[in-house]
Amino acid sequence: MGRSTHALLFLLLLLCCAAMAVSTKDVFGEDTGLSLVARKEHHKHSGFSEGECPDACQFRCSKTAYKKPCMFFCQKCCFKCRCVPPGTYAHKEVCPCYNNWKTKRGGPKCP
C-alpha cells in the first residue's frame, strides 16, 4: 500500500472515532449519563435530597470570594427549601422559599 492509502485510512479512522464520540443524547434524543457536556447543560435546581445540597451549593458558591459563609448559608437554605437556584448568581425567583427567606434585618438569607 502506498503512502497516500495509509493517509486516507488514517483519516477515515479519525472520522469514525469522531463520529462515535458524539453524545448518545445527540443521537437518540435521550441522556444516558455518558456525556459530561450534556450533564453540565442541564441543571436540576429543585427537589434535592440533603445529600445533593453540598454539590449544588459548591457550584452556586464557586465564583464568590467568600466561599465558607456562602457554603454555610447555601446549604442551610438548601436543607430547608430543597432547592438551589441555577447558576452562580441571581435567578432566585426559581426557588421561592430560597428567595423569600430573610435575615432578622430583612436582607436575603440565602446566597
Protein backbone atom coordinates (compact mmCIF):
# COMPACT_ATOMS: atom_id res chain seq x y z
CA MET A 1 0.00 0.00 0.00
CA GLY A 2 1.22 3.44 -0.81
CA ARG A 3 1.69 6.39 1.46
CA SER A 4 -1.48 8.10 0.23
CA THR A 5 -3.52 4.97 1.00
CA HIS A 6 -2.19 4.89 4.57
CA ALA A 7 -3.00 8.58 5.00
CA LEU A 8 -6.51 8.01 3.66
CA LEU A 9 -7.08 5.07 6.03
CA PHE A 10 -5.80 7.12 8.97
CA LEU A 11 -8.12 9.99 8.10
CA LEU A 12 -11.04 7.59 7.78
CA LEU A 13 -10.22 6.09 11.18
CA LEU A 14 -10.15 9.57 12.76
CA LEU A 15 -13.53 10.42 11.25
CA CYS A 16 -15.02 7.18 12.56
CA CYS A 17 -13.68 7.86 16.06
CA ALA A 18 -15.07 11.39 15.98
CA ALA A 19 -18.47 10.10 14.89
CA MET A 20 -18.54 7.56 17.72
CA ALA A 21 -17.63 10.27 20.25
CA VAL A 22 -20.94 12.02 19.62
CA SER A 23 -23.07 12.00 22.75
CA THR A 24 -25.85 9.42 22.96
CA LYS A 25 -28.12 12.34 23.81
CA ASP A 26 -27.45 13.85 20.38
CA VAL A 27 -28.04 10.54 18.57
CA PHE A 28 -31.04 9.11 20.41
CA GLY A 29 -32.56 12.25 21.96
CA GLU A 30 -32.06 10.99 25.50
CA ASP A 31 -29.38 11.42 28.13
CA THR A 32 -27.77 8.20 29.29
CA GLY A 33 -25.27 9.98 31.52
CA LEU A 34 -22.29 9.27 29.28
CA SER A 35 -21.59 12.82 28.17
CA LEU A 36 -20.14 15.29 30.68
CA VAL A 37 -21.12 18.21 28.46
CA ALA A 38 -24.73 17.05 28.32
CA ARG A 39 -24.89 16.72 32.13
CA LYS A 40 -23.49 20.23 32.70
CA GLU A 41 -26.04 21.80 30.33
CA HIS A 42 -28.94 20.50 32.42
CA HIS A 43 -29.17 21.97 35.90
CA LYS A 44 -31.62 20.37 38.28
CA HIS A 45 -32.44 23.07 40.82
CA SER A 46 -35.30 21.73 42.93
CA GLY A 47 -36.28 18.54 44.71
CA PHE A 48 -32.85 18.00 46.24
CA SER A 49 -32.15 15.46 48.93
CA GLU A 50 -29.81 16.50 51.74
CA GLY A 51 -27.01 14.55 50.06
CA GLU A 52 -27.31 16.61 46.87
CA CYS A 53 -27.15 20.01 48.59
CA PRO A 54 -23.35 20.21 49.06
CA ASP A 55 -22.65 19.70 45.34
CA ALA A 56 -25.34 22.19 44.29
CA CYS A 57 -24.01 24.76 46.75
CA GLN A 58 -20.42 24.10 45.69
CA PHE A 59 -21.42 25.18 42.17
CA ARG A 60 -23.55 28.09 43.43
CA CYS A 61 -20.65 29.45 45.52
CA SER A 62 -17.88 28.64 43.03
CA LYS A 63 -17.26 32.23 41.91
CA THR A 64 -17.52 34.10 45.22
CA ALA A 65 -14.58 35.33 47.26
CA TYR A 66 -16.48 34.36 50.45
CA LYS A 67 -16.76 30.60 49.94
CA LYS A 68 -17.09 29.50 53.57
CA PRO A 69 -20.06 31.72 54.54
CA CYS A 70 -21.64 31.20 51.11
CA MET A 71 -21.45 27.42 51.52
CA PHE A 72 -22.79 27.59 55.09
CA PHE A 73 -25.86 29.65 54.22
CA CYS A 74 -26.47 27.97 50.87
CA GLN A 75 -26.54 24.53 52.49
CA LYS A 76 -28.75 25.80 55.32
CA CYS A 77 -31.18 27.14 52.72
CA CYS A 78 -30.96 24.01 50.58
CA PHE A 79 -31.69 21.73 53.55
CA LYS A 80 -34.78 23.79 54.39
CA CYS A 81 -36.04 24.64 50.89
CA ARG A 82 -34.78 21.59 48.93
CA CYS A 83 -33.87 24.00 46.15
CA VAL A 84 -30.82 25.91 44.89
CA PRO A 85 -31.17 28.42 42.04
CA PRO A 86 -29.31 27.66 38.81
CA GLY A 87 -26.09 29.49 38.10
CA THR A 88 -23.64 31.20 40.40
CA TYR A 89 -25.61 34.42 40.92
CA ALA A 90 -29.22 35.65 40.75
CA HIS A 91 -32.10 33.51 39.35
CA LYS A 92 -33.54 33.24 42.88
CA GLU A 93 -37.09 33.59 41.55
CA VAL A 94 -36.86 29.92 40.50
CA CYS A 95 -36.83 28.91 44.20
CA PRO A 96 -39.44 30.97 46.10
CA CYS A 97 -38.51 29.58 49.55
CA TYR A 98 -34.82 30.25 48.90
CA ASN A 99 -35.65 33.74 47.60
CA ASN A 100 -38.07 34.77 50.36
CA TRP A 101 -36.12 33.59 53.44
CA LYS A 102 -34.86 36.79 55.10
CA THR A 103 -32.48 37.67 57.94
CA LYS A 104 -33.66 39.49 61.07
CA ARG A 105 -32.66 42.74 59.38
CA GLY A 106 -34.73 41.93 56.28
CA GLY A 107 -31.87 41.09 53.93
CA PRO A 108 -31.64 37.89 51.92
CA LYS A 109 -30.60 34.87 53.97
CA CYS A 110 -29.65 32.67 51.02
CA PRO A 111 -26.81 33.49 48.62
